[in-house]
Amino acid sequence: MQFEQLAQQYNPMIHRIMNKLHIYKNKDDFHQVGLIALWEAYTRFDETKGDFAPYAYSYIQGRLKNALTKDAAFSDGTVLTGETALFEGADMDLSPESAAFVQMCGERLEGRAKEWFGLSVIGGLSNPDIARKYGITPAAVRKWQQSAVKQLREYLGHM
């Protein structure tokens, strides 16, 4: 059997595994990982040890789980919020007026958002650095950041 035929036959299985693992971002990339895993399973399969379908299923699922783990590790180390970074590209040699504005923004925040603002915007720490400092996940720090952005938008919208 040609691999193209095998890929077409097992394509629904790859999609089923992706759905089971709740893969909804970068579907094409993960589908490619599934096809590569199918190829590896095809080349390594030993007929004397059982049927191909269960072997292929577990092989593909394992590769996709590994890819998800790597993707999550990358995402935790990289802050991709979709938001424009607060004060992005701001010159740290701020004028007295600008420094006062930044300070005023920080004072308007509450809770963890205020803490994030002080450590990130004022202190220059990245979200992964803040997470390590507090022993929490980068995702939790991103929530602090999102809260800060929301509070600042509400405040600045009233100005």
Protein backbone atom coordinates (compact mmCIF):
# COMPACT_ATOMS: atom_id res chain seq x y z
CA MET A 1 0.00 0.00 0.00
CA GLN A 2 1.28 3.47 -0.87
CA PHE A 3 1.63 5.96 1.98
CA GLU A 4 -0.67 8.44 0.20
CA GLN A 5 -3.47 5.88 0.38
CA LEU A 6 -2.65 5.13 4.00
CA ALA A 7 -2.65 8.84 4.85
CA GLN A 8 -6.04 9.27 3.21
CA GLN A 9 -7.40 6.23 5.06
CA TYR A 10 -6.10 7.34 8.47
CA ASN A 11 -6.80 11.07 8.07
CA PRO A 12 -10.11 10.80 10.00
CA MET A 13 -8.23 9.07 12.84
CA ILE A 14 -5.73 11.94 13.04
CA HIS A 15 -8.58 14.47 13.20
CA ARG A 16 -10.40 12.40 15.84
CA ILE A 17 -7.28 12.33 18.03
CA MET A 18 -6.79 16.09 17.54
CA ASN A 19 -10.41 16.68 18.63
CA LYS A 20 -9.98 14.37 21.62
CA LEU A 21 -6.91 16.37 22.68
CA HIS A 22 -8.83 19.65 22.19
CA ILE A 23 -6.42 20.97 19.59
CA TYR A 24 -8.04 24.09 18.18
CA LYS A 25 -5.05 26.32 17.41
CA ASN A 26 -2.42 25.61 14.77
CA LYS A 27 -4.50 22.70 13.43
CA ASP A 28 -2.46 22.44 10.23
CA ASP A 29 0.79 22.16 12.18
CA PHE A 30 -0.59 19.45 14.46
CA HIS A 31 -2.12 17.62 11.50
CA GLN A 32 1.35 17.58 9.94
CA VAL A 33 2.74 16.12 13.18
CA GLY A 34 0.02 13.45 12.96
CA LEU A 35 0.96 12.59 9.38
CA ILE A 36 4.64 12.34 10.28
CA ALA A 37 3.72 10.09 13.21
CA LEU A 38 1.65 7.94 10.85
CA TRP A 39 4.64 7.64 8.53
CA GLU A 40 6.91 6.66 11.44
CA ALA A 41 4.36 4.11 12.67
CA TYR A 42 4.08 2.73 9.12
CA THR A 43 7.83 2.31 8.77
CA ARG A 44 8.32 0.79 12.25
CA PHE A 45 5.30 -1.50 12.39
CA ASP A 46 5.92 -5.20 12.97
CA GLU A 47 3.03 -7.34 11.67
CA THR A 48 3.86 -10.17 14.08
CA LYS A 49 2.97 -7.98 17.07
CA GLY A 50 -0.66 -7.17 16.22
CA ASP A 51 -2.88 -4.98 14.10
CA PHE A 52 -1.71 -1.72 12.60
CA ALA A 53 -4.71 0.48 13.52
CA PRO A 54 -4.27 0.40 17.34
CA TYR A 55 -0.51 0.78 16.94
CA ALA A 56 -0.95 3.78 14.65
CA TYR A 57 -3.54 5.33 17.01
CA SER A 58 -1.30 5.18 20.06
CA TYR A 59 1.75 6.30 18.07
CA ILE A 60 -0.06 9.33 16.61
CA GLN A 61 -1.63 10.22 19.94
CA GLY A 62 1.75 10.06 21.67
CA ARG A 63 3.39 12.32 19.08
CA LEU A 64 0.56 14.83 19.27
CA LYS A 65 0.76 14.91 23.08
CA ASN A 66 4.51 15.54 22.85
CA ALA A 67 3.90 18.34 20.35
CA LEU A 68 1.26 19.86 22.66
CA THR A 69 3.71 19.78 25.56
CA LYS A 70 6.39 21.52 23.49
CA ASP A 71 3.88 24.07 22.24
CA ALA A 72 2.68 24.80 25.79
CA ALA A 73 6.26 25.18 27.02
CA PHE A 74 6.92 27.66 24.21
CA SER A 75 3.70 29.54 24.95
CA ASP A 76 4.52 29.80 28.65
CA GLY A 77 7.93 31.26 27.86
CA THR A 78 6.58 33.67 25.27
CA VAL A 79 4.02 36.34 25.94
CA LEU A 80 1.69 36.56 22.98
CA THR A 81 -1.35 38.35 24.34
CA GLY A 82 -2.65 39.88 21.16
CA GLU A 83 -2.66 43.17 23.04
CA THR A 84 -0.42 46.07 22.23
CA ALA A 85 2.16 46.14 24.98
CA LEU A 86 1.62 48.91 27.46
CA PHE A 87 4.08 51.71 26.90
CA GLU A 88 5.75 49.62 24.19
CA GLY A 89 8.87 51.26 22.89
CA ALA A 90 8.71 53.90 25.59
CA ASP A 91 12.00 55.58 26.26
CA MET A 92 12.94 54.78 29.83
CA ASP A 93 14.46 58.26 30.12
CA LEU A 94 11.00 59.69 30.52
CA SER A 95 10.21 63.35 30.82
CA PRO A 96 8.93 64.35 34.25
CA GLU A 97 5.39 64.62 32.82
CA SER A 98 5.54 61.17 31.25
CA ALA A 99 7.00 59.62 34.40
CA ALA A 100 4.20 61.20 36.43
CA PHE A 101 1.61 59.81 33.99
CA VAL A 102 3.06 56.30 34.23
CA GLN A 103 3.13 56.58 38.02
CA MET A 104 -0.47 57.81 38.05
CA CYS A 105 -1.56 54.86 35.89
CA GLY A 106 0.08 52.43 38.30
CA GLU A 107 -1.63 54.06 41.28
CA ARG A 108 -5.06 53.61 39.68
CA LEU A 109 -4.67 49.84 39.55
CA GLU A 110 -5.83 47.40 42.20
CA GLY A 111 -4.74 43.98 43.41
CA ARG A 112 -2.45 41.78 41.34
CA ALA A 113 -2.78 44.15 38.38
CA LYS A 114 -1.00 46.82 40.41
CA GLU A 115 1.67 44.32 41.40
CA TRP A 116 2.17 43.27 37.77
CA PHE A 117 2.40 46.91 36.65
CA GLY A 118 5.08 47.68 39.21
CA LEU A 119 7.15 44.62 38.36
CA SER A 120 6.69 44.69 34.60
CA VAL A 121 6.21 48.26 33.43
CA ILE A 122 8.19 49.99 36.18
CA GLY A 123 10.63 47.19 37.05
CA GLY A 124 11.13 45.81 33.55
CA LEU A 125 10.56 42.13 34.43
CA SER A 126 9.04 39.78 31.87
CA ASN A 127 5.97 37.68 32.68
CA PRO A 128 8.05 34.46 32.91
CA ASP A 129 10.43 36.26 35.32
CA ILE A 130 7.51 37.37 37.49
CA ALA A 131 6.11 33.84 37.43
CA ARG A 132 9.44 32.41 38.62
CA LYS A 133 9.69 35.06 41.33
CA TYR A 134 6.29 34.10 42.76
CA GLY A 135 6.44 30.39 41.94
CA ILE A 136 3.32 30.52 39.78
CA THR A 137 2.56 29.79 36.14
CA PRO A 138 3.14 32.35 33.39
CA ALA A 139 -0.56 31.96 32.55
CA ALA A 140 -1.44 33.34 35.99
CA VAL A 141 0.82 36.33 35.41
CA ARG A 142 -0.84 36.92 32.03
CA LYS A 143 -4.17 37.13 33.91
CA TRP A 144 -2.65 39.86 36.10
CA GLN A 145 -1.53 41.64 32.93
CA GLN A 146 -4.96 41.33 31.34
CA SER A 147 -6.53 42.73 34.48
CA ALA A 148 -4.13 45.69 34.39
CA VAL A 149 -4.93 46.36 30.73
CA LYS A 150 -8.67 46.18 31.43
CA GLN A 151 -8.45 48.51 34.44
CA LEU A 152 -6.30 51.01 32.54
CA ARG A 153 -8.63 51.00 29.55
CA GLU A 154 -11.57 51.73 31.85
CA TYR A 155 -9.66 54.49 33.60
CA LEU A 156 -8.22 56.06 30.47
CA GLY A 157 -11.57 55.80 28.71
CA HIS A 158 -13.04 58.12 31.36
CA MET A 159 -10.35 60.77 30.87
